[in-house]
């Protein structure tokens, strides 16, 4: 299993959501944002709160809320940013 917590992604890094664990209300709330197994996301701004892209939208979450979301990250280029980062002015 190559899954890591969502909060571990680097700026611009893409990943696939592998699982969401936690209280049913918490999991349901994350699903309302579009987070579910198999969904592609991209970290826009790491930190607390972090901002990530999902299905063409940006979602902001506090790191504490992300502890139960695990993703399988894509490869990292140059140790910090992946090559598929999308500029703000380009639609997804």
PDB file of N, CA and C in Angstrom:
ATOM      1  N   UNK A   1       0.851  -1.194   0.000  1.00  0.00           N
ATOM      2  CA  UNK A   1       0.000   0.000   0.000  1.00  0.00           C
ATOM      3  C   UNK A   1       0.884   1.241   0.000  1.00  0.00           C
ATOM      4  N   UNK A   2       0.726   2.101  -1.013  1.00  0.00           N
ATOM      5  CA  UNK A   2       1.540   3.314  -1.159  1.00  0.00           C
ATOM      6  C   UNK A   2       0.819   4.543  -0.621  1.00  0.00           C
ATOM      7  N   UNK A   3      -0.249   4.348   0.126  1.00  0.00           N
ATOM      8  CA  UNK A   3      -1.063   5.468   0.610  1.00  0.00           C
ATOM      9  C   UNK A   3      -0.345   6.274   1.678  1.00  0.00           C
ATOM     10  N   UNK A   4      -0.551   7.601   1.601  1.00  0.00           N
ATOM     11  CA  UNK A   4      -0.033   8.541   2.601  1.00  0.00           C
ATOM     12  C   UNK A   4      -1.168   9.497   2.962  1.00  0.00           C
ATOM     13  N   UNK A   5      -1.076  10.160   4.116  1.00  0.00           N
ATOM     14  CA  UNK A   5      -2.090  11.175   4.443  1.00  0.00           C
ATOM     15  C   UNK A   5      -2.081  12.296   3.406  1.00  0.00           C
ATOM     16  N   UNK A   6      -3.247  12.806   3.071  1.00  0.00           N
ATOM     17  CA  UNK A   6      -3.370  13.896   2.101  1.00  0.00           C
ATOM     18  C   UNK A   6      -2.476  15.068   2.471  1.00  0.00           C
ATOM     19  N   UNK A   7      -2.356  15.361   3.752  1.00  0.00           N
ATOM     20  CA  UNK A   7      -1.555  16.505   4.197  1.00  0.00           C
ATOM     21  C   UNK A   7      -0.080  16.370   3.824  1.00  0.00           C
ATOM     22  N   UNK A   8       0.383  15.179   3.443  1.00  0.00           N
ATOM     23  CA  UNK A   8       1.784  14.971   3.084  1.00  0.00           C
ATOM     24  C   UNK A   8       2.106  15.348   1.640  1.00  0.00           C
ATOM     25  N   UNK A   9       1.092  15.631   0.823  1.00  0.00           N
ATOM     26  CA  UNK A   9       1.361  15.992  -0.571  1.00  0.00           C
ATOM     27  C   UNK A   9       2.097  17.320  -0.653  1.00  0.00           C
ATOM     28  N   UNK A  10       2.919  17.440  -1.675  1.00  0.00           N
ATOM     29  CA  UNK A  10       3.654  18.672  -1.942  1.00  0.00           C
ATOM     30  C   UNK A  10       2.847  19.563  -2.874  1.00  0.00           C
ATOM     31  N   UNK A  11       3.191  20.847  -2.916  1.00  0.00           N
ATOM     32  CA  UNK A  11       2.519  21.788  -3.814  1.00  0.00           C
ATOM     33  C   UNK A  11       2.610  21.279  -5.249  1.00  0.00           C
ATOM     34  N   UNK A  12       1.464  21.196  -5.919  1.00  0.00           N
ATOM     35  CA  UNK A  12       1.424  20.752  -7.300  1.00  0.00           C
ATOM     36  C   UNK A  12       1.362  19.252  -7.490  1.00  0.00           C
ATOM     37  N   UNK A  13       1.547  18.495  -6.428  1.00  0.00           N
ATOM     38  CA  UNK A  13       1.547  17.043  -6.557  1.00  0.00           C
ATOM     39  C   UNK A  13       0.124  16.514  -6.702  1.00  0.00           C
ATOM     40  N   UNK A  14      -0.050  15.588  -7.626  1.00  0.00           N
ATOM     41  CA  UNK A  14      -1.346  14.953  -7.848  1.00  0.00           C
ATOM     42  C   UNK A  14      -1.367  13.590  -7.188  1.00  0.00           C
ATOM     43  N   UNK A  15      -2.578  13.129  -6.901  1.00  0.00           N
ATOM     44  CA  UNK A  15      -2.729  11.834  -6.247  1.00  0.00           C
ATOM     45  C   UNK A  15      -4.130  11.304  -6.503  1.00  0.00           C
ATOM     46  N   UNK A  16      -4.305  10.047  -6.168  1.00  0.00           N
ATOM     47  CA  UNK A  16      -5.604   9.388  -6.253  1.00  0.00           C
ATOM     48  C   UNK A  16      -6.051   9.060  -4.830  1.00  0.00           C
ATOM     49  N   UNK A  17      -7.265   9.448  -4.474  1.00  0.00           N
ATOM     50  CA  UNK A  17      -7.784   9.149  -3.136  1.00  0.00           C
ATOM     51  C   UNK A  17      -7.914   7.635  -3.013  1.00  0.00           C
ATOM     52  N   UNK A  18      -7.303   7.071  -1.965  1.00  0.00           N
ATOM     53  CA  UNK A  18      -7.366   5.623  -1.781  1.00  0.00           C
ATOM     54  C   UNK A  18      -8.397   5.225  -0.736  1.00  0.00           C
ATOM     55  N   UNK A  19      -8.502   6.004   0.346  1.00  0.00           N
ATOM     56  CA  UNK A  19      -9.507   5.676   1.363  1.00  0.00           C
ATOM     57  C   UNK A  19      -9.729   6.861   2.289  1.00  0.00           C
ATOM     58  N   UNK A  20     -10.908   6.875   2.879  1.00  0.00           N
ATOM     59  CA  UNK A  20     -11.263   7.862   3.892  1.00  0.00           C
ATOM     60  C   UNK A  20     -11.772   7.076   5.087  1.00  0.00           C
ATOM     61  N   UNK A  21     -11.169   7.305   6.243  1.00  0.00           N
ATOM     62  CA  UNK A  21     -11.586   6.600   7.452  1.00  0.00           C
ATOM     63  C   UNK A  21     -11.934   7.610   8.529  1.00  0.00           C
ATOM     64  N   UNK A  22     -12.812   7.219   9.428  1.00  0.00           N
ATOM     65  CA  UNK A  22     -13.195   8.090  10.530  1.00  0.00           C
ATOM     66  C   UNK A  22     -14.657   7.919  10.887  1.00  0.00           C
ATOM     67  N   UNK A  23     -15.159   8.847  11.669  1.00  0.00           N
ATOM     68  CA  UNK A  23     -16.563   8.829  12.070  1.00  0.00           C
ATOM     69  C   UNK A  23     -17.444   8.970  10.823  1.00  0.00           C
ATOM     70  N   UNK A  24     -18.585   8.274  10.786  1.00  0.00           N
ATOM     71  CA  UNK A  24     -19.450   8.342   9.599  1.00  0.00           C
ATOM     72  C   UNK A  24     -19.811   9.768   9.174  1.00  0.00           C
ATOM     73  N   UNK A  25     -20.087  10.658  10.119  1.00  0.00           N
ATOM     74  CA  UNK A  25     -20.415  12.045   9.759  1.00  0.00           C
ATOM     75  C   UNK A  25     -19.238  12.734   9.084  1.00  0.00           C
ATOM     76  N   UNK A  26     -18.036  12.472   9.579  1.00  0.00           N
ATOM     77  CA  UNK A  26     -16.822  13.067   9.012  1.00  0.00           C
ATOM     78  C   UNK A  26     -16.610  12.552   7.586  1.00  0.00           C
ATOM     79  N   UNK A  27     -16.731  11.243   7.408  1.00  0.00           N
ATOM     80  CA  UNK A  27     -16.548  10.649   6.083  1.00  0.00           C
ATOM     81  C   UNK A  27     -17.593  11.200   5.113  1.00  0.00           C
ATOM     82  N   UNK A  28     -18.833  11.286   5.550  1.00  0.00           N
ATOM     83  CA  UNK A  28     -19.905  11.819   4.698  1.00  0.00           C
ATOM     84  C   UNK A  28     -19.609  13.260   4.282  1.00  0.00           C
ATOM     85  N   UNK A  29     -19.117  14.069   5.205  1.00  0.00           N
ATOM     86  CA  UNK A  29     -18.793  15.474   4.894  1.00  0.00           C
ATOM     87  C   UNK A  29     -17.716  15.554   3.820  1.00  0.00           C
ATOM     88  N   UNK A  30     -16.696  14.713   3.912  1.00  0.00           N
ATOM     89  CA  UNK A  30     -15.640  14.699   2.905  1.00  0.00           C
ATOM     90  C   UNK A  30     -16.203  14.258   1.549  1.00  0.00           C
ATOM     91  N   UNK A  31     -17.125  13.292   1.567  1.00  0.00           N
ATOM     92  CA  UNK A  31     -17.753  12.851   0.318  1.00  0.00           C
ATOM     93  C   UNK A  31     -18.575  13.968  -0.309  1.00  0.00           C
ATOM     94  N   UNK A  32     -19.158  14.837   0.516  1.00  0.00           N
ATOM     95  CA  UNK A  32     -19.901  15.983  -0.015  1.00  0.00           C
ATOM     96  C   UNK A  32     -18.995  16.926  -0.790  1.00  0.00           C
ATOM     97  N   UNK A  33     -17.706  16.962  -0.436  1.00  0.00           N
ATOM     98  CA  UNK A  33     -16.731  17.768  -1.173  1.00  0.00           C
ATOM     99  C   UNK A  33     -16.288  17.069  -2.456  1.00  0.00           C
ATOM    100  N   UNK A  34     -16.728  15.832  -2.660  1.00  0.00           N
ATOM    101  CA  UNK A  34     -16.328  15.069  -3.832  1.00  0.00           C
ATOM    102  C   UNK A  34     -15.194  14.107  -3.576  1.00  0.00           C
ATOM    103  N   UNK A  35     -14.732  14.033  -2.326  1.00  0.00           N
ATOM    104  CA  UNK A  35     -13.652  13.116  -1.993  1.00  0.00           C
ATOM    105  C   UNK A  35     -14.205  11.714  -1.809  1.00  0.00           C
ATOM    106  N   UNK A  36     -13.734  10.794  -2.652  1.00  0.00           N
ATOM    107  CA  UNK A  36     -14.120   9.393  -2.524  1.00  0.00           C
ATOM    108  C   UNK A  36     -13.023   8.567  -3.183  1.00  0.00           C
ATOM    109  N   UNK A  37     -13.015   7.293  -2.885  1.00  0.00           N
ATOM    110  CA  UNK A  37     -11.999   6.415  -3.444  1.00  0.00           C
ATOM    111  C   UNK A  37     -11.940   6.509  -4.959  1.00  0.00           C
ATOM    112  N   UNK A  38     -10.724   6.613  -5.491  1.00  0.00           N
ATOM    113  CA  UNK A  38     -10.520   6.685  -6.927  1.00  0.00           C
ATOM    114  C   UNK A  38     -10.519   8.085  -7.509  1.00  0.00           C
ATOM    115  N   UNK A  39     -10.912   9.094  -6.745  1.00  0.00           N
ATOM    116  CA  UNK A  39     -10.979  10.483  -7.240  1.00  0.00           C
ATOM    117  C   UNK A  39      -9.575  11.074  -7.312  1.00  0.00           C
ATOM    118  N   UNK A  40      -9.284  11.790  -8.408  1.00  0.00           N
ATOM    119  CA  UNK A  40      -7.986  12.461  -8.583  1.00  0.00           C
ATOM    120  C   UNK A  40      -8.035  13.831  -7.926  1.00  0.00           C
ATOM    121  N   UNK A  41      -6.971  14.174  -7.234  1.00  0.00           N
ATOM    122  CA  UNK A  41      -6.852  15.492  -6.614  1.00  0.00           C
ATOM    123  C   UNK A  41      -5.454  16.035  -6.889  1.00  0.00           C
ATOM    124  N   UNK A  42      -5.272  17.344  -6.668  1.00  0.00           N
ATOM    125  CA  UNK A  42      -3.964  17.980  -6.804  1.00  0.00           C
ATOM    126  C   UNK A  42      -3.809  18.990  -5.681  1.00  0.00           C
ATOM    127  N   UNK A  43      -2.689  18.918  -4.969  1.00  0.00           N
ATOM    128  CA  UNK A  43      -2.426  19.862  -3.887  1.00  0.00           C
ATOM    129  C   UNK A  43      -2.108  21.224  -4.490  1.00  0.00           C
ATOM    130  N   UNK A  44      -2.852  22.223  -4.093  1.00  0.00           N
ATOM    131  CA  UNK A  44      -2.627  23.587  -4.566  1.00  0.00           C
ATOM    132  C   UNK A  44      -1.758  24.346  -3.571  1.00  0.00           C
ATOM    133  N   UNK A  45      -2.124  24.276  -2.280  1.00  0.00           N
ATOM    134  CA  UNK A  45      -1.330  24.943  -1.245  1.00  0.00           C
ATOM    135  C   UNK A  45      -1.283  24.056  -0.005  1.00  0.00           C
ATOM    136  N   UNK A  46      -0.117  23.454   0.252  1.00  0.00           N
ATOM    137  CA  UNK A  46       0.003  22.665   1.474  1.00  0.00           C
ATOM    138  C   UNK A  46       0.012  23.579   2.690  1.00  0.00           C
ATOM    139  N   UNK A  47      -0.204  23.026   3.828  1.00  0.00           N
ATOM    140  CA  UNK A  47      -0.176  23.807   5.065  1.00  0.00           C
ATOM    141  C   UNK A  47      -1.442  23.599   5.857  1.00  0.00           C
ATOM    142  N   UNK A  48      -1.685  24.510   6.755  1.00  0.00           N
ATOM    143  CA  UNK A  48      -2.855  24.410   7.619  1.00  0.00           C
ATOM    144  C   UNK A  48      -3.534  25.773   7.690  1.00  0.00           C
ATOM    145  N   UNK A  49      -4.621  25.986   6.952  1.00  0.00           N
ATOM    146  CA  UNK A  49      -5.308  24.988   6.136  1.00  0.00           C
ATOM    147  C   UNK A  49      -4.605  24.751   4.800  1.00  0.00           C
ATOM    148  N   UNK A  50      -4.903  23.627   4.180  1.00  0.00           N
ATOM    149  CA  UNK A  50      -4.383  23.353   2.842  1.00  0.00           C
ATOM    150  C   UNK A  50      -5.511  23.585   1.837  1.00  0.00           C
ATOM    151  N   UNK A  51      -5.112  23.776   0.597  1.00  0.00           N
ATOM    152  CA  UNK A  51      -6.079  23.925  -0.492  1.00  0.00           C
ATOM    153  C   UNK A  51      -5.708  22.904  -1.556  1.00  0.00           C
ATOM    154  N   UNK A  52      -6.695  22.129  -1.992  1.00  0.00           N
ATOM    155  CA  UNK A  52      -6.443  21.166  -3.055  1.00  0.00           C
ATOM    156  C   UNK A  52      -7.525  21.284  -4.113  1.00  0.00           C
ATOM    157  N   UNK A  53      -7.172  20.862  -5.330  1.00  0.00           N
ATOM    158  CA  UNK A  53      -8.109  20.873  -6.450  1.00  0.00           C
ATOM    159  C   UNK A  53      -8.755  19.499  -6.563  1.00  0.00           C
ATOM    160  N   UNK A  54     -10.056  19.513  -6.799  1.00  0.00           N
ATOM    161  CA  UNK A  54     -10.789  18.276  -7.045  1.00  0.00           C
ATOM    162  C   UNK A  54     -11.926  18.591  -8.009  1.00  0.00           C
ATOM    163  N   UNK A  55     -12.001  17.842  -9.082  1.00  0.00           N
ATOM    164  CA  UNK A  55     -13.070  18.005 -10.077  1.00  0.00           C
ATOM    165  C   UNK A  55     -13.251  19.456 -10.515  1.00  0.00           C
ATOM    166  N   UNK A  56     -12.141  20.165 -10.748  1.00  0.00           N
ATOM    167  CA  UNK A  56     -12.215  21.531 -11.238  1.00  0.00           C
ATOM    168  C   UNK A  56     -12.471  22.597 -10.195  1.00  0.00           C
ATOM    169  N   UNK A  57     -12.595  22.211  -8.939  1.00  0.00           N
ATOM    170  CA  UNK A  57     -12.832  23.171  -7.853  1.00  0.00           C
ATOM    171  C   UNK A  57     -11.679  23.135  -6.864  1.00  0.00           C
ATOM    172  N   UNK A  58     -11.525  24.225  -6.134  1.00  0.00           N
ATOM    173  CA  UNK A  58     -10.555  24.254  -5.039  1.00  0.00           C
ATOM    174  C   UNK A  58     -11.305  24.065  -3.733  1.00  0.00           C
ATOM    175  N   UNK A  59     -10.753  23.218  -2.865  1.00  0.00           N
ATOM    176  CA  UNK A  59     -11.341  22.952  -1.556  1.00  0.00           C
ATOM    177  C   UNK A  59     -10.299  23.287  -0.502  1.00  0.00           C
ATOM    178  N   UNK A  60     -10.716  24.005   0.515  1.00  0.00           N
ATOM    179  CA  UNK A  60      -9.832  24.381   1.614  1.00  0.00           C
ATOM    180  C   UNK A  60     -10.234  23.584   2.856  1.00  0.00           C
ATOM    181  N   UNK A  61      -9.260  22.942   3.483  1.00  0.00           N
ATOM    182  CA  UNK A  61      -9.517  22.163   4.701  1.00  0.00           C
ATOM    183  C   UNK A  61      -8.378  22.357   5.686  1.00  0.00           C
ATOM    184  N   UNK A  62      -8.725  22.378   6.958  1.00  0.00           N
ATOM    185  CA  UNK A  62      -7.695  22.390   7.991  1.00  0.00           C
ATOM    186  C   UNK A  62      -7.037  21.025   8.037  1.00  0.00           C
ATOM    187  N   UNK A  63      -5.746  20.992   8.313  1.00  0.00           N
ATOM    188  CA  UNK A  63      -4.997  19.746   8.358  1.00  0.00           C
ATOM    189  C   UNK A  63      -5.636  18.735   9.295  1.00  0.00           C
ATOM    190  N   UNK A  64      -6.179  19.178  10.415  1.00  0.00           N
ATOM    191  CA  UNK A  64      -6.815  18.261  11.354  1.00  0.00           C
ATOM    192  C   UNK A  64      -7.929  17.466  10.688  1.00  0.00           C
ATOM    193  N   UNK A  65      -8.633  18.073   9.761  1.00  0.00           N
ATOM    194  CA  UNK A  65      -9.723  17.407   9.052  1.00  0.00           C
ATOM    195  C   UNK A  65      -9.214  16.395   8.031  1.00  0.00           C
ATOM    196  N   UNK A  66      -7.938  16.452   7.681  1.00  0.00           N
ATOM    197  CA  UNK A  66      -7.402  15.611   6.618  1.00  0.00           C
ATOM    198  C   UNK A  66      -6.734  14.343   7.126  1.00  0.00           C
ATOM    199  N   UNK A  67      -6.649  14.166   8.394  1.00  0.00           N
ATOM    200  CA  UNK A  67      -5.903  13.047   8.952  1.00  0.00           C
ATOM    201  C   UNK A  67      -6.473  11.696   8.565  1.00  0.00           C
ATOM    202  N   UNK A  68      -7.733  11.639   8.218  1.00  0.00           N
ATOM    203  CA  UNK A  68      -8.343  10.364   7.866  1.00  0.00           C
ATOM    204  C   UNK A  68      -8.500  10.176   6.356  1.00  0.00           C
ATOM    205  N   UNK A  69      -7.873  11.027   5.564  1.00  0.00           N
ATOM    206  CA  UNK A  69      -7.934  10.918   4.104  1.00  0.00           C
ATOM    207  C   UNK A  69      -6.568  10.466   3.610  1.00  0.00           C
ATOM    208  N   UNK A  70      -6.550   9.352   2.895  1.00  0.00           N
ATOM    209  CA  UNK A  70      -5.295   8.804   2.399  1.00  0.00           C
ATOM    210  C   UNK A  70      -5.312   8.775   0.882  1.00  0.00           C
ATOM    211  N   UNK A  71      -4.150   9.055   0.293  1.00  0.00           N
ATOM    212  CA  UNK A  71      -4.021   9.137  -1.158  1.00  0.00           C
ATOM    213  C   UNK A  71      -2.796   8.361  -1.614  1.00  0.00           C
ATOM    214  N   UNK A  72      -2.801   7.981  -2.884  1.00  0.00           N
ATOM    215  CA  UNK A  72      -1.626   7.388  -3.515  1.00  0.00           C
ATOM    216  C   UNK A  72      -1.039   8.449  -4.437  1.00  0.00           C
ATOM    217  N   UNK A  73       0.076   9.069  -4.008  1.00  0.00           N
ATOM    218  CA  UNK A  73       0.643  10.184  -4.780  1.00  0.00           C
ATOM    219  C   UNK A  73       1.308   9.743  -6.073  1.00  0.00           C
ATOM    220  N   UNK A  74       1.295  10.669  -7.050  1.00  0.00           N
ATOM    221  CA  UNK A  74       2.051  10.482  -8.277  1.00  0.00           C
ATOM    222  C   UNK A  74       3.519  10.739  -7.969  1.00  0.00           C
ATOM    223  N   UNK A  75       4.372  10.493  -8.935  1.00  0.00           N
ATOM    224  CA  UNK A  75       5.802  10.715  -8.758  1.00  0.00           C
ATOM    225  C   UNK A  75       6.114  12.177  -8.504  1.00  0.00           C
ATOM    226  N   UNK A  76       7.199  12.409  -7.787  1.00  0.00           N
ATOM    227  CA  UNK A  76       7.662  13.762  -7.486  1.00  0.00           C
ATOM    228  C   UNK A  76       8.851  14.077  -8.377  1.00  0.00           C
ATOM    229  N   UNK A  77       8.902  15.283  -8.912  1.00  0.00           N
ATOM    230  CA  UNK A  77      10.002  15.734  -9.746  1.00  0.00           C
ATOM    231  C   UNK A  77      10.822  16.738  -8.956  1.00  0.00           C
ATOM    232  N   UNK A  78      12.126  16.603  -8.957  1.00  0.00           N
ATOM    233  CA  UNK A  78      13.043  17.517  -8.273  1.00  0.00           C
ATOM    234  C   UNK A  78      12.755  17.629  -6.784  1.00  0.00           C
ATOM    235  N   UNK A  79      12.132  16.645  -6.211  1.00  0.00           N
ATOM    236  CA  UNK A  79      11.922  16.609  -4.777  1.00  0.00           C
ATOM    237  C   UNK A  79      10.907  17.583  -4.230  1.00  0.00           C
ATOM    238  N   UNK A  80      10.238  18.387  -5.078  1.00  0.00           N
ATOM    239  CA  UNK A  80       9.302  19.342  -4.495  1.00  0.00           C
ATOM    240  C   UNK A  80       8.015  19.545  -5.282  1.00  0.00           C
ATOM    241  N   UNK A  81       8.070  19.523  -6.592  1.00  0.00           N
ATOM    242  CA  UNK A  81       6.875  19.824  -7.382  1.00  0.00           C
ATOM    243  C   UNK A  81       6.809  18.866  -8.565  1.00  0.00           C
ATOM    244  N   UNK A  82       5.631  18.373  -8.874  1.00  0.00           N
ATOM    245  CA  UNK A  82       5.476  17.499 -10.034  1.00  0.00           C
ATOM    246  C   UNK A  82       5.294  18.326 -11.290  1.00  0.00           C
ATOM    247  N   UNK A  83       5.475  17.687 -12.426  1.00  0.00           N
ATOM    248  CA  UNK A  83       5.475  18.430 -13.684  1.00  0.00           C
ATOM    249  C   UNK A  83       4.089  18.784 -14.199  1.00  0.00           C
ATOM    250  N   UNK A  84       3.023  18.220 -13.617  1.00  0.00           N
ATOM    251  CA  UNK A  84       1.693  18.474 -14.175  1.00  0.00           C
ATOM    252  C   UNK A  84       0.918  19.559 -13.441  1.00  0.00           C
ATOM    253  N   UNK A  85       1.602  20.472 -12.772  1.00  0.00           N
ATOM    254  CA  UNK A  85       0.909  21.557 -12.070  1.00  0.00           C
ATOM    255  C   UNK A  85       0.191  22.434 -13.083  1.00  0.00           C
ATOM    256  N   UNK A  86      -1.008  22.821 -12.740  1.00  0.00           N
ATOM    257  CA  UNK A  86      -1.847  23.615 -13.636  1.00  0.00           C
ATOM    258  C   UNK A  86      -1.901  25.042 -13.117  1.00  0.00           C
ATOM    259  N   UNK A  87      -1.516  26.033 -13.922  1.00  0.00           N
ATOM    260  CA  UNK A  87      -1.600  27.427 -13.480  1.00  0.00           C
ATOM    261  C   UNK A  87      -3.039  27.825 -13.173  1.00  0.00           C
ATOM    262  N   UNK A  88      -3.223  28.815 -12.301  1.00  0.00           N
ATOM    263  CA  UNK A  88      -4.554  29.272 -11.916  1.00  0.00           C
ATOM    264  C   UNK A  88      -5.397  29.733 -13.094  1.00  0.00           C
ATOM    265  N   UNK A  89      -4.772  30.303 -14.108  1.00  0.00           N
ATOM    266  CA  UNK A  89      -5.535  30.890 -15.204  1.00  0.00           C
ATOM    267  C   UNK A  89      -5.902  29.882 -16.292  1.00  0.00           C
ATOM    268  N   UNK A  90      -5.626  28.601 -16.068  1.00  0.00           N
ATOM    269  CA  UNK A  90      -5.979  27.565 -17.032  1.00  0.00           C
ATOM    270  C   UNK A  90      -7.085  26.722 -16.431  1.00  0.00           C
ATOM    271  N   UNK A  91      -8.184  26.553 -17.147  1.00  0.00           N
ATOM    272  CA  UNK A  91      -9.287  25.751 -16.615  1.00  0.00           C
ATOM    273  C   UNK A  91      -8.917  24.281 -16.657  1.00  0.00           C
ATOM    274  N   UNK A  92      -9.452  23.541 -15.678  1.00  0.00           N
ATOM    275  CA  UNK A  92      -9.159  22.102 -15.570  1.00  0.00           C
ATOM    276  C   UNK A  92      -9.932  21.303 -16.581  1.00  0.00           C
TER     277      UNK A  92
END
